[in-house]
N, C-alpha and C. Protein backbone atom coordinates (compact mmCIF):
# COMPACT_ATOMS: atom_id res chain seq x y z
N MET A 1 30.92 -8.55 -1.66
CA MET A 1 30.82 -7.85 -2.93
C MET A 1 31.53 -6.51 -2.81
N ASP A 2 32.80 -6.53 -2.83
CA ASP A 2 33.58 -5.30 -2.75
C ASP A 2 34.15 -4.91 -4.10
N GLU A 3 33.46 -5.26 -5.15
CA GLU A 3 33.97 -4.90 -6.47
C GLU A 3 32.97 -3.99 -7.17
N GLU A 4 33.47 -3.11 -7.97
CA GLU A 4 32.61 -2.21 -8.74
C GLU A 4 32.17 -2.89 -10.01
N ARG A 5 30.93 -2.59 -10.42
CA ARG A 5 30.41 -3.14 -11.67
C ARG A 5 29.65 -2.06 -12.41
N LEU A 6 29.59 -2.19 -13.68
CA LEU A 6 28.85 -1.27 -14.53
C LEU A 6 27.58 -1.99 -14.99
N VAL A 7 26.44 -1.37 -14.73
CA VAL A 7 25.18 -1.95 -15.14
C VAL A 7 24.61 -1.09 -16.26
N ILE A 8 24.26 -1.73 -17.36
CA ILE A 8 23.70 -1.02 -18.51
C ILE A 8 22.32 -1.61 -18.79
N ALA A 9 21.35 -0.71 -19.00
CA ALA A 9 19.98 -1.18 -19.26
C ALA A 9 19.36 -0.34 -20.37
N ASP A 10 18.57 -0.99 -21.18
CA ASP A 10 17.78 -0.29 -22.19
C ASP A 10 16.39 -0.10 -21.61
N LEU A 11 15.92 1.14 -21.59
CA LEU A 11 14.62 1.43 -21.02
C LEU A 11 13.61 1.77 -22.11
N ASP A 12 12.42 1.24 -21.95
CA ASP A 12 11.32 1.57 -22.83
C ASP A 12 10.50 2.65 -22.10
N PHE A 13 10.69 3.90 -22.48
CA PHE A 13 10.07 5.00 -21.74
C PHE A 13 8.55 5.01 -21.88
N ALA A 14 8.01 4.43 -22.94
CA ALA A 14 6.56 4.29 -23.05
C ALA A 14 6.06 3.34 -21.95
N ARG A 15 6.81 2.29 -21.71
CA ARG A 15 6.44 1.33 -20.65
C ARG A 15 6.58 1.98 -19.27
N VAL A 16 7.58 2.81 -19.09
CA VAL A 16 7.75 3.53 -17.83
C VAL A 16 6.53 4.40 -17.57
N ARG A 17 6.06 5.12 -18.59
CA ARG A 17 4.86 5.95 -18.44
C ARG A 17 3.65 5.10 -18.09
N GLU A 18 3.51 3.95 -18.72
CA GLU A 18 2.39 3.05 -18.43
C GLU A 18 2.40 2.61 -16.97
N GLU A 19 3.56 2.23 -16.48
CA GLU A 19 3.66 1.75 -15.11
C GLU A 19 3.42 2.87 -14.10
N ARG A 20 3.79 4.08 -14.43
CA ARG A 20 3.53 5.20 -13.53
C ARG A 20 2.04 5.44 -13.34
N GLN A 21 1.24 5.07 -14.35
CA GLN A 21 -0.20 5.22 -14.24
C GLN A 21 -0.78 4.25 -13.21
N THR A 22 -0.13 3.13 -12.99
CA THR A 22 -0.64 2.15 -12.03
C THR A 22 -0.09 2.38 -10.63
N PHE A 23 0.88 3.27 -10.48
CA PHE A 23 1.48 3.55 -9.18
C PHE A 23 0.53 4.40 -8.35
N ASP A 24 0.28 4.01 -7.12
CA ASP A 24 -0.64 4.72 -6.23
C ASP A 24 0.17 5.30 -5.07
N PRO A 25 0.70 6.52 -5.21
CA PRO A 25 1.58 7.07 -4.18
C PRO A 25 0.88 7.31 -2.85
N ALA A 26 -0.42 7.55 -2.86
CA ALA A 26 -1.15 7.78 -1.61
C ALA A 26 -1.60 6.48 -0.98
N GLY A 27 -1.52 5.38 -1.71
CA GLY A 27 -1.94 4.10 -1.18
C GLY A 27 -3.43 3.89 -1.33
N HIS A 28 -3.86 2.64 -1.20
CA HIS A 28 -5.28 2.35 -1.37
C HIS A 28 -6.10 2.86 -0.20
N TYR A 29 -5.44 3.29 0.89
CA TYR A 29 -6.17 3.84 2.03
C TYR A 29 -6.85 5.15 1.69
N SER A 30 -6.40 5.83 0.66
CA SER A 30 -7.00 7.10 0.28
C SER A 30 -8.20 6.91 -0.63
N ARG A 31 -8.54 5.67 -0.96
CA ARG A 31 -9.66 5.40 -1.85
C ARG A 31 -10.88 4.96 -1.05
N PRO A 32 -11.87 5.84 -0.92
CA PRO A 32 -13.05 5.47 -0.13
C PRO A 32 -13.86 4.33 -0.74
N ASP A 33 -13.69 4.06 -2.03
CA ASP A 33 -14.42 2.95 -2.64
C ASP A 33 -13.78 1.61 -2.33
N VAL A 34 -12.54 1.62 -1.81
CA VAL A 34 -11.83 0.37 -1.52
C VAL A 34 -11.65 0.17 -0.02
N PHE A 35 -11.46 1.24 0.73
CA PHE A 35 -11.09 1.14 2.14
C PHE A 35 -11.94 2.09 2.96
N ALA A 36 -12.49 1.61 4.06
CA ALA A 36 -13.28 2.45 4.96
C ALA A 36 -12.91 2.10 6.40
N VAL A 37 -12.88 3.11 7.25
CA VAL A 37 -12.58 2.92 8.66
C VAL A 37 -13.79 3.38 9.47
N GLU A 38 -14.24 2.52 10.36
CA GLU A 38 -15.33 2.88 11.26
C GLU A 38 -14.85 2.64 12.68
N VAL A 39 -15.15 3.57 13.57
CA VAL A 39 -14.76 3.45 14.98
C VAL A 39 -16.02 3.32 15.81
N ASP A 40 -16.10 2.24 16.57
CA ASP A 40 -17.22 2.01 17.47
C ASP A 40 -16.80 2.50 18.85
N ARG A 41 -17.36 3.61 19.28
CA ARG A 41 -16.94 4.23 20.55
C ARG A 41 -17.78 3.77 21.74
N ARG A 42 -18.66 2.78 21.52
CA ARG A 42 -19.44 2.29 22.65
C ARG A 42 -18.54 1.57 23.64
N ARG A 43 -18.82 1.77 24.93
CA ARG A 43 -18.03 1.13 25.98
C ARG A 43 -18.35 -0.36 25.99
N ARG A 44 -17.34 -1.17 26.13
CA ARG A 44 -17.49 -2.62 26.13
C ARG A 44 -16.91 -3.20 27.42
N ASP A 45 -17.43 -4.34 27.81
CA ASP A 45 -16.86 -5.06 28.96
C ASP A 45 -15.54 -5.69 28.53
N ALA A 46 -14.61 -5.77 29.48
CA ALA A 46 -13.31 -6.36 29.17
C ALA A 46 -13.41 -7.86 28.95
N ALA A 47 -14.37 -8.51 29.65
CA ALA A 47 -14.51 -9.97 29.54
C ALA A 47 -15.97 -10.35 29.74
N HIS A 48 -16.35 -11.47 29.17
CA HIS A 48 -17.69 -12.04 29.36
C HIS A 48 -17.51 -13.41 30.00
N PHE A 49 -18.19 -13.62 31.12
CA PHE A 49 -18.08 -14.91 31.82
C PHE A 49 -19.35 -15.68 31.62
N ARG A 50 -19.24 -16.96 31.31
CA ARG A 50 -20.40 -17.84 31.14
C ARG A 50 -20.59 -18.66 32.41
N ASP A 51 -21.83 -18.96 32.69
CA ASP A 51 -22.14 -19.79 33.89
C ASP A 51 -21.93 -21.24 33.60
């Protein structure tokens, strides 16, 4: 594709504003109601052997 092309689009700016409302720039990780991280710092054995 070594040729130049002209792209023309009609934009509905009301729709652009609507879609910006659904954009989450910080990601769902910043929402404590959706995502939670817990770290279990208890020491664990590397392996469990059964008899």
